[in-house]
């Protein structure tokens, strides 16, 4: 008859789903998203009979969508990144 050796219990405490680096990436992604959304603001005209060309400038058509897309990519990466295991 064989006896089983008692296994050592490791006291790690509760493990969180995210690491500190994940939270930092989430905050960076939210800041990039916020900047992209702020760049979309404005460009309209108060008078409907006057056309304002600033609606179609580089900031609103190119820069803001790129920042918003980059923010979402950072957010997805921050959620999917596995925390480092302590071994």
N, C-alpha and C. Protein backbone atom coordinates (compact mmCIF):
# COMPACT_ATOMS: atom_id res chain seq x y z
N UNK A 1 0.84 -1.16 0.00
CA UNK A 1 0.00 0.00 0.00
C UNK A 1 0.90 1.25 0.00
N UNK A 2 0.59 2.18 -0.87
CA UNK A 2 1.42 3.38 -0.97
C UNK A 2 0.69 4.54 -0.32
N UNK A 3 1.47 5.39 0.28
CA UNK A 3 0.88 6.58 0.88
C UNK A 3 1.19 7.78 0.00
N UNK A 4 0.22 8.65 -0.10
CA UNK A 4 0.41 9.86 -0.91
C UNK A 4 1.08 10.93 -0.07
N UNK A 5 2.00 11.61 -0.70
CA UNK A 5 2.67 12.71 -0.02
C UNK A 5 1.75 13.91 0.01
N UNK A 6 1.71 14.61 1.12
CA UNK A 6 0.86 15.81 1.14
C UNK A 6 1.44 16.89 0.21
N UNK A 7 0.56 17.49 -0.56
CA UNK A 7 1.00 18.53 -1.49
C UNK A 7 1.18 19.85 -0.73
N UNK A 8 2.18 20.58 -1.15
CA UNK A 8 2.42 21.87 -0.53
C UNK A 8 1.36 22.85 -1.00
N UNK A 9 0.80 23.58 -0.07
CA UNK A 9 -0.19 24.58 -0.41
C UNK A 9 0.52 25.91 -0.60
N UNK A 10 0.23 26.53 -1.70
CA UNK A 10 0.83 27.84 -1.94
C UNK A 10 -0.23 28.90 -1.66
N UNK A 11 0.15 29.84 -0.85
CA UNK A 11 -0.76 30.92 -0.49
C UNK A 11 -0.51 32.11 -1.41
N UNK A 12 -1.25 32.19 -2.50
CA UNK A 12 -1.09 33.30 -3.43
C UNK A 12 -2.12 34.39 -3.19
N UNK A 13 -3.23 34.06 -2.66
CA UNK A 13 -4.30 35.03 -2.50
C UNK A 13 -5.13 35.08 -3.78
N UNK A 14 -6.08 35.96 -3.82
CA UNK A 14 -6.93 36.03 -5.00
C UNK A 14 -6.17 36.58 -6.22
N UNK A 15 -6.43 35.99 -7.36
CA UNK A 15 -5.80 36.47 -8.60
C UNK A 15 -6.82 37.30 -9.35
N UNK A 16 -6.38 38.42 -9.84
CA UNK A 16 -7.25 39.29 -10.61
C UNK A 16 -7.14 38.94 -12.08
N UNK A 17 -8.17 39.28 -12.83
CA UNK A 17 -8.17 38.98 -14.26
C UNK A 17 -7.15 39.84 -15.00
N UNK A 18 -6.94 41.06 -14.52
CA UNK A 18 -6.02 41.98 -15.18
C UNK A 18 -4.85 42.28 -14.28
N UNK A 19 -3.74 42.57 -14.92
CA UNK A 19 -2.52 42.98 -14.23
C UNK A 19 -2.46 44.51 -14.27
N UNK A 20 -1.48 45.09 -13.58
CA UNK A 20 -1.33 46.55 -13.59
C UNK A 20 -1.10 47.07 -15.01
N UNK A 21 -0.35 46.32 -15.80
CA UNK A 21 -0.07 46.74 -17.17
C UNK A 21 -1.35 46.76 -18.02
N UNK A 22 -2.28 45.84 -17.76
CA UNK A 22 -3.54 45.83 -18.48
C UNK A 22 -4.34 47.11 -18.18
N UNK A 23 -4.37 47.49 -16.91
CA UNK A 23 -5.11 48.70 -16.55
C UNK A 23 -4.47 49.95 -17.15
N UNK A 24 -3.16 49.99 -17.20
CA UNK A 24 -2.48 51.13 -17.81
C UNK A 24 -2.83 51.21 -19.30
N UNK A 25 -2.85 50.07 -19.98
CA UNK A 25 -3.21 50.06 -21.40
C UNK A 25 -4.66 50.46 -21.62
N UNK A 26 -5.55 50.06 -20.71
CA UNK A 26 -6.96 50.45 -20.83
C UNK A 26 -7.08 51.97 -20.70
N UNK A 27 -6.38 52.55 -19.76
CA UNK A 27 -6.44 54.00 -19.57
C UNK A 27 -5.86 54.73 -20.78
N UNK A 28 -4.75 54.23 -21.31
CA UNK A 28 -4.15 54.84 -22.51
C UNK A 28 -5.13 54.75 -23.68
N UNK A 29 -5.77 53.61 -23.84
CA UNK A 29 -6.74 53.45 -24.92
C UNK A 29 -7.91 54.40 -24.78
N UNK A 30 -8.39 54.59 -23.55
CA UNK A 30 -9.50 55.52 -23.33
C UNK A 30 -9.09 56.97 -23.62
N UNK A 31 -7.86 57.31 -23.27
CA UNK A 31 -7.38 58.67 -23.56
C UNK A 31 -7.28 58.90 -25.07
N UNK A 32 -6.75 57.91 -25.80
CA UNK A 32 -6.64 58.03 -27.26
C UNK A 32 -8.03 58.13 -27.88
N UNK A 33 -8.98 57.33 -27.39
CA UNK A 33 -10.35 57.41 -27.89
C UNK A 33 -10.96 58.79 -27.61
N UNK A 34 -10.74 59.30 -26.41
CA UNK A 34 -11.27 60.61 -26.06
C UNK A 34 -10.70 61.72 -26.92
N UNK A 35 -9.40 61.66 -27.19
CA UNK A 35 -8.78 62.68 -28.05
C UNK A 35 -9.35 62.59 -29.46
N UNK A 36 -9.53 61.37 -29.96
CA UNK A 36 -10.11 61.20 -31.29
C UNK A 36 -11.52 61.75 -31.38
N UNK A 37 -12.32 61.51 -30.34
CA UNK A 37 -13.69 62.03 -30.35
C UNK A 37 -13.72 63.55 -30.20
N UNK A 38 -12.79 64.10 -29.41
CA UNK A 38 -12.74 65.55 -29.28
C UNK A 38 -12.34 66.22 -30.59
N UNK A 39 -11.52 65.55 -31.39
CA UNK A 39 -11.12 66.13 -32.67
C UNK A 39 -12.26 66.15 -33.68
N UNK A 40 -13.29 65.36 -33.44
CA UNK A 40 -14.44 65.36 -34.35
C UNK A 40 -15.41 66.50 -34.08
N UNK A 41 -15.28 67.14 -32.94
CA UNK A 41 -16.23 68.18 -32.54
C UNK A 41 -16.07 69.42 -33.42
N UNK A 42 -17.20 70.04 -33.73
CA UNK A 42 -17.21 71.33 -34.41
C UNK A 42 -17.17 71.23 -35.91
N UNK A 43 -16.96 72.36 -36.55
CA UNK A 43 -16.86 72.40 -38.00
C UNK A 43 -18.15 72.78 -38.70
N UNK A 44 -19.22 72.84 -37.95
CA UNK A 44 -20.49 73.21 -38.57
C UNK A 44 -20.64 74.72 -38.66
N UNK A 45 -21.73 75.13 -39.23
CA UNK A 45 -22.01 76.55 -39.38
C UNK A 45 -23.31 76.87 -38.67
N UNK A 46 -23.37 78.04 -38.03
CA UNK A 46 -24.61 78.44 -37.36
C UNK A 46 -25.67 78.86 -38.36
N UNK A 47 -25.25 79.41 -39.48
CA UNK A 47 -26.18 79.85 -40.52
C UNK A 47 -26.29 78.74 -41.58
N UNK A 48 -27.49 78.20 -41.83
CA UNK A 48 -27.61 77.12 -42.81
C UNK A 48 -27.36 77.56 -44.25
N UNK A 49 -27.35 78.86 -44.52
CA UNK A 49 -27.11 79.35 -45.87
C UNK A 49 -25.63 79.54 -46.17
N UNK A 50 -24.77 79.40 -45.18
CA UNK A 50 -23.34 79.59 -45.34
C UNK A 50 -22.65 78.23 -45.22
N UNK A 51 -21.83 77.89 -46.22
CA UNK A 51 -21.09 76.63 -46.20
C UNK A 51 -19.74 76.85 -45.55
N UNK A 52 -19.37 75.94 -44.67
CA UNK A 52 -18.11 76.05 -43.96
C UNK A 52 -17.20 74.91 -44.39
N UNK A 53 -16.06 75.24 -45.02
CA UNK A 53 -15.13 74.22 -45.51
C UNK A 53 -14.38 73.49 -44.40
N UNK A 54 -14.41 74.00 -43.19
CA UNK A 54 -13.66 73.35 -42.12
C UNK A 54 -14.27 72.00 -41.73
N UNK A 55 -15.43 71.70 -42.27
CA UNK A 55 -16.05 70.39 -42.02
C UNK A 55 -15.24 69.28 -42.67
N UNK A 56 -14.55 69.57 -43.77
CA UNK A 56 -13.82 68.56 -44.53
C UNK A 56 -12.31 68.74 -44.43
N UNK A 57 -11.81 69.13 -43.28
CA UNK A 57 -10.37 69.29 -43.16
C UNK A 57 -9.70 67.98 -42.73
N UNK A 58 -8.39 67.98 -42.71
CA UNK A 58 -7.60 66.79 -42.40
C UNK A 58 -7.91 66.25 -41.00
N UNK A 59 -8.13 67.15 -40.07
CA UNK A 59 -8.35 66.74 -38.68
C UNK A 59 -9.59 65.87 -38.53
N UNK A 60 -10.68 66.24 -39.20
CA UNK A 60 -11.94 65.50 -39.04
C UNK A 60 -12.06 64.30 -39.95
N UNK A 61 -11.48 64.36 -41.12
CA UNK A 61 -11.62 63.24 -42.07
C UNK A 61 -10.55 62.17 -41.92
N UNK A 62 -9.38 62.52 -41.43
CA UNK A 62 -8.29 61.54 -41.39
C UNK A 62 -7.77 61.29 -39.98
N UNK A 63 -7.37 62.33 -39.29
CA UNK A 63 -6.71 62.17 -38.00
C UNK A 63 -7.63 61.59 -36.93
N UNK A 64 -8.83 62.14 -36.79
CA UNK A 64 -9.74 61.67 -35.75
C UNK A 64 -10.15 60.20 -35.94
N UNK A 65 -10.53 59.76 -37.15
CA UNK A 65 -10.86 58.33 -37.30
C UNK A 65 -9.67 57.40 -37.04
N UNK A 66 -8.47 57.83 -37.41
CA UNK A 66 -7.29 57.00 -37.14
C UNK A 66 -7.07 56.88 -35.63
N UNK A 67 -7.23 57.97 -34.89
CA UNK A 67 -7.06 57.93 -33.44
C UNK A 67 -8.14 57.07 -32.78
N UNK A 68 -9.36 57.17 -33.26
CA UNK A 68 -10.44 56.36 -32.69
C UNK A 68 -10.18 54.88 -32.95
N UNK A 69 -9.78 54.53 -34.16
CA UNK A 69 -9.47 53.14 -34.48
C UNK A 69 -8.28 52.65 -33.65
N UNK A 70 -7.26 53.48 -33.49
CA UNK A 70 -6.10 53.10 -32.68
C UNK A 70 -6.52 52.90 -31.22
N UNK A 71 -7.42 53.73 -30.72
CA UNK A 71 -7.91 53.57 -29.36
C UNK A 71 -8.63 52.25 -29.16
N UNK A 72 -9.46 51.87 -30.13
CA UNK A 72 -10.15 50.58 -30.02
C UNK A 72 -9.17 49.41 -30.10
N UNK A 73 -8.16 49.53 -30.93
CA UNK A 73 -7.16 48.46 -31.04
C UNK A 73 -6.39 48.32 -29.72
N UNK A 74 -6.05 49.45 -29.11
CA UNK A 74 -5.36 49.41 -27.82
C UNK A 74 -6.25 48.77 -26.76
N UNK A 75 -7.54 49.10 -26.77
CA UNK A 75 -8.48 48.52 -25.80
C UNK A 75 -8.59 47.01 -25.98
N UNK A 76 -8.70 46.55 -27.21
CA UNK A 76 -8.79 45.11 -27.46
C UNK A 76 -7.52 44.42 -27.02
N UNK A 77 -6.37 45.00 -27.31
CA UNK A 77 -5.10 44.43 -26.89
C UNK A 77 -5.00 44.38 -25.37
N UNK A 78 -5.46 45.44 -24.70
CA UNK A 78 -5.39 45.49 -23.23
C UNK A 78 -6.27 44.42 -22.60
N UNK A 79 -7.41 44.14 -23.21
CA UNK A 79 -8.30 43.12 -22.66
C UNK A 79 -7.77 41.71 -22.94
N UNK A 80 -7.21 41.50 -24.11
CA UNK A 80 -6.78 40.16 -24.50
C UNK A 80 -5.40 39.78 -23.94
N UNK A 81 -4.60 40.75 -23.51
CA UNK A 81 -3.25 40.46 -23.03
C UNK A 81 -3.31 39.68 -21.72
N UNK A 82 -2.60 38.58 -21.68
CA UNK A 82 -2.56 37.76 -20.48
C UNK A 82 -1.60 38.36 -19.46
N UNK A 83 -1.98 38.36 -18.19
CA UNK A 83 -1.03 38.86 -17.17
C UNK A 83 0.12 37.88 -17.00
N UNK A 84 1.26 38.42 -16.62
CA UNK A 84 2.44 37.57 -16.41
C UNK A 84 2.23 36.72 -15.17
N UNK A 85 2.59 35.44 -15.29
CA UNK A 85 2.46 34.55 -14.13
C UNK A 85 3.71 34.66 -13.28
N UNK A 86 3.52 34.62 -11.98
CA UNK A 86 4.65 34.71 -11.05
C UNK A 86 5.15 33.32 -10.76
N UNK A 87 6.25 32.92 -11.44
CA UNK A 87 6.79 31.60 -11.18
C UNK A 87 8.26 31.67 -10.86
